Amino acid sequence: MEHGPLGAGAVTSNRSVPSGGGGASVDDVIASLTREVADFPVPGVQFRDLTPLLADRRGFAVVTDALTDVASGADLVAGIDARGFVMAGAVACRLGTGVLAIRKAGKLPPPVHTETYTLEYGTAALEIPADCVELAGRSVV
């Protein structure tokens, strides 16, 4: 699987939040609206629940704006099951692009392309329909 030039933390920068953000950075907005749950789904994992961020119109807009800035020029926005669908849809709408839903293994009918990865508590796999690869063009996840 190829990765673009953006690394971890590309969106969560210390730049100031525009339009009424009160000078808070995108990092600050995310941190203030993310609920951390220890030992979920298994002991030793620190789960970060984005539900409060997604429910807060200002926070959701701030993060969507930041992601849209980073994704500028993309032909397609991909989101990973299921929280990623929400953000990908919002960013794609602002960019005027389509959305590619990257699903957990077993949720799509064949043929699919599969990528397996390691978690803190095991392994998992993600899939996309085999016929969507050619549609991807310049995409951002």
Protein backbone atom coordinates (compact mmCIF):
# COMPACT_ATOMS: atom_id res chain seq x y z
CA MET A 1 0.00 0.00 0.00
CA GLU A 2 1.49 3.36 -1.01
CA HIS A 3 1.40 6.35 1.27
CA GLY A 4 1.51 10.00 0.27
CA PRO A 5 3.82 12.66 1.64
CA LEU A 6 1.83 13.33 4.81
CA GLY A 7 2.93 11.74 8.04
CA ALA A 8 1.21 11.30 11.36
CA GLY A 9 0.16 14.62 12.84
CA ALA A 10 -0.08 16.39 9.47
CA VAL A 11 -3.42 17.93 10.40
CA THR A 12 -3.07 18.34 14.15
CA SER A 13 -0.67 21.23 14.03
CA ASN A 14 -0.12 24.14 16.38
CA ARG A 15 -1.50 26.62 13.88
CA SER A 16 -4.31 28.81 15.15
CA VAL A 17 -7.90 27.88 14.48
CA PRO A 18 -9.55 30.37 12.10
CA SER A 19 -12.90 32.14 12.46
CA GLY A 20 -13.81 32.41 16.09
CA GLY A 21 -11.55 29.66 17.36
CA GLY A 22 -10.35 31.91 20.17
CA GLY A 23 -6.71 31.30 19.25
CA ALA A 24 -6.95 27.59 20.08
CA SER A 25 -4.90 25.25 17.91
CA VAL A 26 -6.49 22.39 16.03
CA ASP A 27 -4.70 20.12 18.53
CA ASP A 28 -6.38 21.94 21.42
CA VAL A 29 -9.83 21.64 19.85
CA ILE A 30 -9.36 17.91 19.23
CA ALA A 31 -7.98 17.29 22.73
CA SER A 32 -10.80 19.20 24.40
CA LEU A 33 -13.50 17.29 22.51
CA THR A 34 -12.06 13.76 22.57
CA ARG A 35 -13.06 11.36 25.33
CA GLU A 36 -10.28 8.99 26.36
CA VAL A 37 -11.32 5.58 27.64
CA ALA A 38 -8.67 3.41 29.30
CA ASP A 39 -8.57 -0.33 28.71
CA PHE A 40 -11.06 -0.37 25.85
CA PRO A 41 -11.72 -2.56 23.90
CA VAL A 42 -9.14 -4.63 25.78
CA PRO A 43 -6.83 -3.96 28.74
CA GLY A 44 -3.84 -1.80 27.84
CA VAL A 45 -5.50 0.08 24.97
CA GLN A 46 -6.30 3.80 25.30
CA PHE A 47 -9.43 4.34 23.15
CA ARG A 48 -10.07 7.85 21.85
CA ASP A 49 -13.79 8.45 21.36
CA LEU A 50 -14.47 11.12 18.74
CA THR A 51 -18.23 11.22 19.37
CA PRO A 52 -18.08 14.52 21.33
CA LEU A 53 -15.97 16.12 18.57
CA LEU A 54 -18.36 14.98 15.85
CA ALA A 55 -21.36 16.27 17.84
CA ASP A 56 -19.86 19.72 18.43
CA ARG A 57 -20.58 21.95 15.41
CA ARG A 58 -17.59 24.26 16.02
CA GLY A 59 -15.18 21.42 16.70
CA PHE A 60 -16.43 19.42 13.73
CA ALA A 61 -16.05 22.48 11.48
CA VAL A 62 -12.53 23.24 12.75
CA VAL A 63 -11.32 19.70 12.11
CA THR A 64 -13.11 19.51 8.75
CA ASP A 65 -11.48 22.80 7.68
CA ALA A 66 -8.02 21.56 8.73
CA LEU A 67 -8.46 18.26 6.91
CA THR A 68 -9.79 20.07 3.83
CA ASP A 69 -6.69 22.28 3.75
CA VAL A 70 -4.42 19.22 3.87
CA ALA A 71 -6.49 17.32 1.28
CA SER A 72 -6.58 20.19 -1.22
CA GLY A 73 -5.97 18.86 -4.72
CA ALA A 74 -7.20 15.33 -4.03
CA ASP A 75 -9.52 13.66 -6.52
CA LEU A 76 -11.01 11.33 -3.94
CA VAL A 77 -11.26 11.26 -0.14
CA ALA A 78 -11.12 7.85 1.54
CA GLY A 79 -12.47 7.18 5.01
CA ILE A 80 -11.84 4.13 7.17
CA ASP A 81 -14.80 2.30 8.73
CA ALA A 82 -16.77 3.82 10.47
CA ARG A 83 -15.69 7.10 12.07
CA GLY A 84 -13.65 7.89 8.98
CA PHE A 85 -16.79 7.84 6.83
CA VAL A 86 -18.10 10.92 8.65
CA MET A 87 -14.92 12.97 8.24
CA ALA A 88 -14.28 11.78 4.67
CA GLY A 89 -17.81 12.75 3.66
CA ALA A 90 -17.50 16.23 5.14
CA VAL A 91 -14.08 16.85 3.55
CA ALA A 92 -15.16 15.45 0.17
CA CYS A 93 -18.24 17.67 0.19
CA ARG A 94 -16.08 20.76 0.75
CA LEU A 95 -13.60 19.68 -1.95
CA GLY A 96 -16.27 18.63 -4.43
CA THR A 97 -14.89 15.08 -4.70
CA GLY A 98 -16.22 11.60 -4.13
CA VAL A 99 -15.73 9.34 -1.12
CA LEU A 100 -14.19 5.88 -1.01
CA ALA A 101 -15.39 3.89 1.99
CA ILE A 102 -12.62 1.63 3.27
CA ARG A 103 -14.39 -1.20 5.08
CA LYS A 104 -13.48 -3.70 7.78
CA ALA A 105 -12.86 -7.16 6.36
CA GLY A 106 -15.95 -9.16 5.47
CA LYS A 107 -18.28 -6.18 4.98
CA LEU A 108 -18.00 -6.03 1.16
CA PRO A 109 -18.89 -8.63 -1.46
CA PRO A 110 -15.99 -9.92 -3.60
CA PRO A 111 -13.89 -9.08 -5.45
CA VAL A 112 -11.96 -6.89 -2.98
CA HIS A 113 -8.42 -5.69 -2.32
CA THR A 114 -7.36 -6.44 1.26
CA GLU A 115 -4.67 -4.88 3.48
CA THR A 116 -3.87 -6.57 6.81
CA TYR A 117 -2.38 -4.59 9.70
CA THR A 118 -1.37 -5.07 13.32
CA LEU A 119 -3.20 -3.57 16.30
CA GLU A 120 -2.12 -3.33 19.94
CA TYR A 121 -4.38 -6.31 20.60
CA GLY A 122 -4.17 -8.41 17.43
CA THR A 123 -4.50 -8.07 13.68
CA ALA A 124 -7.23 -6.76 11.43
CA ALA A 125 -7.83 -6.14 7.74
CA LEU A 126 -9.37 -3.40 5.63
CA GLU A 127 -10.94 -3.83 2.20
CA ILE A 128 -12.04 -1.82 -0.81
CA PRO A 129 -13.96 -3.03 -3.85
CA ALA A 130 -11.50 -4.25 -6.50
CA ASP A 131 -13.05 -2.01 -9.16
CA CYS A 132 -12.52 1.20 -7.12
CA VAL A 133 -8.74 1.18 -7.33
CA GLU A 134 -8.72 2.74 -10.80
CA LEU A 135 -11.14 5.44 -9.62
CA ALA A 136 -8.82 6.47 -6.80
CA GLY A 137 -6.51 8.80 -8.79
CA ARG A 138 -4.98 11.24 -6.31
CA SER A 139 -6.59 10.22 -3.06
CA VAL A 140 -6.22 11.14 0.59
CA VAL A 141 -7.13 8.91 3.54
